[in-house]
Amino acid sequence: MLRTVVFRSALLGAALAFAAGCRAKGPAPGAIVLQISARHPSGDPAPASASHPAPWAPLVYADSFVAQGRDTIFLRRVRLVLMEMAIAPSVANECEVEDGEENPPCVDFHEDAFVLEVPLGRGSVRSSAEPAPATEYNLFQLIIHKPDSAQDAALLRANPDLAEASVRVDGVLSHGGKRRAFVFVTPFNEQEEIALEPSVVVPSGDTLRITLHVDVGSWFTSGDPQTLVDPASAAAGGPNEHTVKDNIRTSLKVFRDHEP
C-alpha cells in the first residue's frame, strides 16, 4: 500500500512538473518602444518659395513652418498636455478592464499628466521601452488634458503658461505681407482613440517600435488652398475654434516604425 501511494505521488509530481514546463514554454513577453514625431515618415517635401507658393496642400518643414497659398505660419513651440497614453490588444480593443475577462493588459506609456514638447524640426523623441505581452495591438488611446489646478499643481508650477490650456502653440503668422506673433491656446479635454491600420504585433521575446505622429502642419488648415486659419480666430468662442480642434484630433496617427 505504501508503494502504491509513493508511486501515485511520483506520478502526480511528474504531471505537475510537466504542466509547469508547458506554461513556461508559452509566448515570452516582448516590449514596445514609442517614439513621437512631427515629421511625416515619407520625408519632408521640397519647400515652396516666395515666388512659387505651394497652392495645393499645407507643408511642414524641418525649420518648422507651414505654407498655404500666400500665407505662412512659423511654428516656434508646440506643447500638448497628455495623460493615460496606452496601446490596447486587439482581443480587447479597449483599456477598460471588465470583470471576468482575462485579456492581455494594455501597455501604459504615460498614466499621469505630462507635457509633450512636440519635436519640431529635430526628428523625434523616444520614450523608454515598456514590457508588453506578445500579442496583436490595434488601438492607441490618450487623453488631451486640460490641467487641473489641484491634481496637476506640480505640472502647472513648471509650466504656468499652460493654465487652462491643453494645447499651446507659439508662432508667427505671415499674412498679406505682414507678420505678427501669436499664441494659440485651447482648453478642450477629451479622450482620443487612434486605430492602428494595419494592426501591429509584438513578437515573442522581441521589441516592437511604434511612432505617434503629430501632424502640426495640418492644425491651421482651412480647406481653402490659398489661406491658412488665423490662430486668433480659433481661440475659445472664435469662428474657427471647432475647425482647429477637429484638425488636432485628426492630426494624431500611430504606425509601426520600421527603423531600428
Protein backbone atom coordinates (compact mmCIF):
# COMPACT_ATOMS: atom_id res chain seq x y z
CA MET A 1 0.00 0.00 0.00
CA LEU A 2 2.85 2.33 0.83
CA ARG A 3 4.47 1.63 -2.54
CA THR A 4 1.19 2.48 -4.31
CA VAL A 5 0.93 5.82 -2.52
CA VAL A 6 4.55 6.66 -3.28
CA PHE A 7 4.09 5.69 -6.93
CA ARG A 8 0.95 7.82 -7.30
CA SER A 9 2.73 10.76 -5.62
CA ALA A 10 5.59 10.42 -8.04
CA LEU A 11 3.18 10.41 -11.00
CA LEU A 12 1.42 13.49 -9.64
CA GLY A 13 4.72 15.31 -9.15
CA ALA A 14 5.81 14.45 -12.69
CA ALA A 15 2.50 15.68 -14.07
CA LEU A 16 2.75 18.98 -12.21
CA ALA A 17 6.32 19.44 -13.39
CA PHE A 18 5.27 18.74 -16.99
CA ALA A 19 2.39 21.24 -16.74
CA ALA A 20 4.70 23.88 -15.32
CA GLY A 21 7.12 23.22 -18.14
CA CYS A 22 4.33 23.69 -20.68
CA ARG A 23 3.36 27.01 -19.12
CA ALA A 24 6.97 28.14 -19.20
CA LYS A 25 7.08 27.42 -22.92
CA GLY A 26 4.27 29.93 -23.64
CA PRO A 27 4.90 33.19 -25.53
CA ALA A 28 7.75 35.10 -23.96
CA PRO A 29 6.89 38.74 -23.26
CA GLY A 30 8.29 41.39 -25.53
CA ALA A 31 8.49 45.17 -25.38
CA ILE A 32 7.14 48.25 -27.16
CA VAL A 33 9.20 51.38 -27.76
CA LEU A 34 7.22 54.53 -28.52
CA GLN A 35 8.69 57.49 -30.36
CA ILE A 36 6.94 60.78 -31.13
CA SER A 37 7.49 62.78 -34.29
CA ALA A 38 6.08 65.84 -36.05
CA ARG A 39 7.63 64.89 -39.38
CA HIS A 40 5.98 62.56 -41.86
CA PRO A 41 7.86 59.28 -42.26
CA SER A 42 7.98 59.70 -46.04
CA GLY A 43 10.21 62.74 -45.57
CA ASP A 44 9.75 66.46 -45.94
CA PRO A 45 8.58 67.85 -49.29
CA ALA A 46 10.54 70.39 -51.25
CA PRO A 47 9.92 73.83 -49.75
CA ALA A 48 7.81 76.41 -51.53
CA SER A 49 9.49 79.68 -52.38
CA ALA A 50 8.03 83.15 -52.01
CA SER A 51 7.63 83.40 -55.79
CA HIS A 52 6.19 79.90 -56.12
CA PRO A 53 4.00 79.19 -53.09
CA ALA A 54 2.53 75.72 -52.79
CA PRO A 55 -1.18 76.11 -53.68
CA TRP A 56 -2.26 72.51 -53.19
CA ALA A 57 -1.55 71.48 -49.60
CA PRO A 58 -0.10 72.57 -46.27
CA LEU A 59 3.57 71.77 -45.87
CA VAL A 60 5.57 71.35 -42.69
CA TYR A 61 9.35 71.60 -42.80
CA ALA A 62 12.37 70.82 -40.72
CA ASP A 63 12.68 74.52 -39.86
CA SER A 64 9.06 74.44 -38.66
CA PHE A 65 6.74 76.41 -40.86
CA VAL A 66 3.55 75.76 -42.80
CA ALA A 67 2.84 77.32 -46.19
CA GLN A 68 -0.57 77.56 -47.83
CA GLY A 69 -1.00 79.81 -50.83
CA ARG A 70 0.42 83.19 -49.80
CA ASP A 71 0.06 82.55 -46.06
CA THR A 72 2.80 81.19 -43.83
CA ILE A 73 2.78 80.14 -40.20
CA PHE A 74 6.14 79.75 -38.46
CA LEU A 75 5.87 77.27 -35.59
CA ARG A 76 8.20 78.23 -32.76
CA ARG A 77 6.93 75.95 -29.99
CA VAL A 78 4.08 73.43 -29.72
CA ARG A 79 3.04 71.78 -26.47
CA LEU A 80 0.24 69.38 -25.54
CA VAL A 81 -0.79 68.17 -22.10
CA LEU A 82 -1.47 64.44 -22.36
CA MET A 83 -2.28 61.61 -19.98
CA GLU A 84 -3.36 57.94 -19.97
CA MET A 85 -1.34 57.14 -23.08
CA ALA A 86 -1.65 53.41 -23.79
CA ILE A 87 -2.00 50.79 -26.52
CA ALA A 88 -4.71 48.10 -26.41
CA PRO A 89 -4.53 44.46 -27.57
CA SER A 90 -6.81 43.55 -30.47
CA VAL A 91 -8.62 40.88 -28.48
CA ALA A 92 -9.85 43.53 -26.04
CA ASN A 93 -9.97 46.59 -28.34
CA GLU A 94 -10.04 48.83 -25.27
CA CYS A 95 -8.24 49.51 -22.00
CA GLU A 96 -11.27 49.24 -19.72
CA VAL A 97 -10.98 46.08 -17.63
CA GLU A 98 -14.23 44.12 -17.40
CA ASP A 99 -14.95 41.66 -14.57
CA GLY A 100 -14.28 38.08 -15.60
CA GLU A 101 -12.15 38.96 -18.62
CA GLU A 102 -8.66 37.54 -18.95
CA ASN A 103 -7.46 39.55 -21.95
CA PRO A 104 -3.83 40.66 -22.19
CA PRO A 105 -3.39 44.00 -20.43
CA CYS A 106 -2.92 47.31 -22.18
CA VAL A 107 0.61 48.69 -22.31
CA ASP A 108 0.80 52.03 -20.48
CA PHE A 109 3.30 54.66 -21.61
CA HIS A 110 2.16 57.63 -19.51
CA GLU A 111 -0.58 57.32 -16.89
CA ASP A 112 -0.22 60.72 -15.24
CA ALA A 113 -0.49 64.08 -16.97
CA PHE A 114 2.68 65.28 -18.69
CA VAL A 115 3.69 67.99 -21.14
CA LEU A 116 4.62 66.81 -24.63
CA GLU A 117 7.05 69.21 -26.25
CA VAL A 118 6.42 68.40 -29.92
CA PRO A 119 9.82 67.85 -31.58
CA LEU A 120 9.67 70.48 -34.33
CA GLY A 121 12.43 70.19 -36.90
CA ARG A 122 14.54 67.75 -34.92
CA GLY A 123 13.45 64.26 -35.82
CA SER A 124 11.71 62.51 -32.96
CA VAL A 125 11.70 61.98 -29.23
CA ARG A 126 11.75 58.43 -27.95
CA SER A 127 10.35 57.01 -24.74
CA SER A 128 11.84 54.06 -22.92
CA ALA A 129 10.77 50.53 -23.78
CA GLU A 130 7.74 49.18 -21.93
CA PRO A 131 7.22 45.45 -21.29
CA ALA A 132 4.39 44.09 -23.44
CA PRO A 133 2.61 40.75 -23.87
CA ALA A 134 3.46 39.07 -27.16
CA THR A 135 0.17 39.65 -28.98
CA GLU A 136 -1.54 41.86 -31.57
CA TYR A 137 -2.47 45.51 -30.86
CA ASN A 138 -4.96 47.63 -32.79
CA LEU A 139 -5.88 50.71 -30.74
CA PHE A 140 -3.85 53.56 -29.26
CA GLN A 141 -5.50 55.91 -26.82
CA LEU A 142 -4.60 59.07 -24.98
CA ILE A 143 -6.31 61.99 -23.29
CA ILE A 144 -5.70 65.59 -24.34
CA HIS A 145 -5.95 67.01 -20.87
CA LYS A 146 -6.67 70.49 -19.52
CA PRO A 147 -4.52 70.76 -16.37
CA ASP A 148 -6.37 70.81 -13.08
CA SER A 149 -5.12 73.30 -10.51
CA ALA A 150 -5.39 70.72 -7.70
CA GLN A 151 -4.37 67.44 -9.34
CA ASP A 152 -1.72 68.93 -11.65
CA ALA A 153 -0.20 71.52 -9.33
CA ALA A 154 3.39 70.40 -9.93
CA LEU A 155 2.90 70.43 -13.71
CA LEU A 156 1.47 73.95 -13.58
CA ARG A 157 4.26 75.21 -11.35
CA ALA A 158 6.73 74.08 -14.00
CA ASN A 159 4.52 75.36 -16.86
CA PRO A 160 2.45 78.30 -15.59
CA ASP A 161 1.61 79.36 -19.15
CA LEU A 162 -0.39 76.14 -19.59
CA ALA A 163 -3.03 77.08 -17.03
CA GLU A 164 -6.45 76.34 -18.58
CA ALA A 165 -4.73 75.11 -21.76
CA SER A 166 -4.36 71.54 -23.03
CA VAL A 167 -2.66 72.81 -26.20
CA ARG A 168 -0.40 75.83 -26.69
CA VAL A 169 1.26 77.00 -29.90
CA ASP A 170 3.71 79.91 -30.07
CA GLY A 171 4.47 81.16 -33.55
CA VAL A 172 4.40 83.86 -36.19
CA LEU A 173 1.71 84.39 -38.82
CA SER A 174 2.64 85.95 -42.16
CA HIS A 175 -0.47 87.19 -43.96
CA GLY A 176 -0.70 89.72 -46.76
CA GLY A 177 2.99 90.51 -46.42
CA LYS A 178 2.67 91.40 -42.74
CA ARG A 179 3.97 89.35 -39.82
CA ARG A 180 2.73 89.18 -36.26
CA ALA A 181 3.48 86.89 -33.38
CA PHE A 182 0.65 84.78 -31.95
CA VAL A 183 -0.10 82.45 -29.06
CA PHE A 184 -2.85 79.89 -29.60
CA VAL A 185 -4.33 78.01 -26.65
CA THR A 186 -7.31 75.69 -26.35
CA PRO A 187 -8.81 74.15 -23.20
CA PHE A 188 -10.57 71.13 -24.64
CA ASN A 189 -10.28 67.91 -22.67
CA GLU A 190 -11.16 64.55 -24.20
CA GLN A 191 -10.02 61.01 -24.88
CA GLU A 192 -8.74 60.25 -28.36
CA GLU A 193 -8.81 56.72 -29.79
CA ILE A 194 -6.47 56.10 -32.73
CA ALA A 195 -7.00 52.93 -34.76
CA LEU A 196 -3.84 51.17 -35.92
CA GLU A 197 -4.35 50.21 -39.55
CA PRO A 198 -2.95 47.69 -40.01
CA SER A 199 -2.67 46.32 -36.51
CA VAL A 200 0.79 45.62 -35.08
CA VAL A 201 2.24 42.57 -33.33
CA VAL A 202 4.75 42.30 -30.51
CA PRO A 203 6.89 39.25 -31.38
CA SER A 204 7.65 36.79 -28.63
CA GLY A 205 10.76 37.91 -26.79
CA ASP A 206 11.32 40.80 -29.19
CA THR A 207 10.73 44.56 -29.43
CA LEU A 208 8.12 46.45 -31.46
CA ARG A 209 8.77 50.10 -32.31
CA ILE A 210 5.85 52.43 -32.99
CA THR A 211 5.60 56.14 -33.78
CA LEU A 212 2.98 58.64 -32.66
CA HIS A 213 2.92 61.20 -35.46
CA VAL A 214 1.63 64.67 -34.56
CA ASP A 215 0.94 66.45 -37.85
CA VAL A 216 1.11 70.01 -36.54
CA GLY A 217 1.26 71.27 -40.12
CA SER A 218 -2.43 70.45 -40.51
CA TRP A 219 -3.73 72.27 -37.44
CA PHE A 220 -4.33 75.67 -39.05
CA THR A 221 -5.56 74.50 -42.46
CA SER A 222 -8.98 75.61 -43.59
CA GLY A 223 -9.76 73.62 -46.73
CA ASP A 224 -9.08 76.74 -48.78
CA PRO A 225 -5.95 76.09 -50.90
CA GLN A 226 -4.95 79.75 -50.70
CA THR A 227 -5.20 80.62 -47.00
CA LEU A 228 -4.45 79.32 -43.53
CA VAL A 229 -6.62 79.75 -40.43
CA ASP A 230 -5.64 82.79 -38.40
CA PRO A 231 -4.85 81.27 -34.96
CA ALA A 232 -6.56 84.24 -33.28
CA SER A 233 -9.85 83.16 -34.88
CA ALA A 234 -9.53 79.64 -33.40
CA ALA A 235 -9.48 80.67 -29.73
CA ALA A 236 -12.36 79.65 -27.46
CA GLY A 237 -15.56 81.08 -28.92
CA GLY A 238 -13.89 82.06 -32.19
CA PRO A 239 -15.35 81.21 -35.63
CA ASN A 240 -12.61 78.65 -36.34
CA GLU A 241 -12.46 77.07 -32.88
CA HIS A 242 -14.03 73.77 -33.94
CA THR A 243 -12.12 73.64 -37.23
CA VAL A 244 -8.78 73.69 -35.43
CA LYS A 245 -9.96 71.31 -32.71
CA ASP A 246 -11.01 68.80 -35.37
CA ASN A 247 -7.67 69.26 -37.12
CA ILE A 248 -5.82 68.50 -33.87
CA ARG A 249 -7.87 65.34 -33.36
CA THR A 250 -7.24 64.01 -36.85
CA SER A 251 -3.56 65.00 -36.80
CA LEU A 252 -2.71 62.16 -34.41
CA LYS A 253 -1.65 58.94 -36.15
CA VAL A 254 0.16 55.85 -34.90
CA PHE A 255 2.07 53.43 -37.10
CA ARG A 256 4.80 50.81 -36.90
CA ASP A 257 8.29 52.24 -37.04
CA HIS A 258 10.45 50.13 -39.34
CA GLU A 259 13.67 51.89 -38.42
CA PRO A 260 15.87 50.21 -35.80
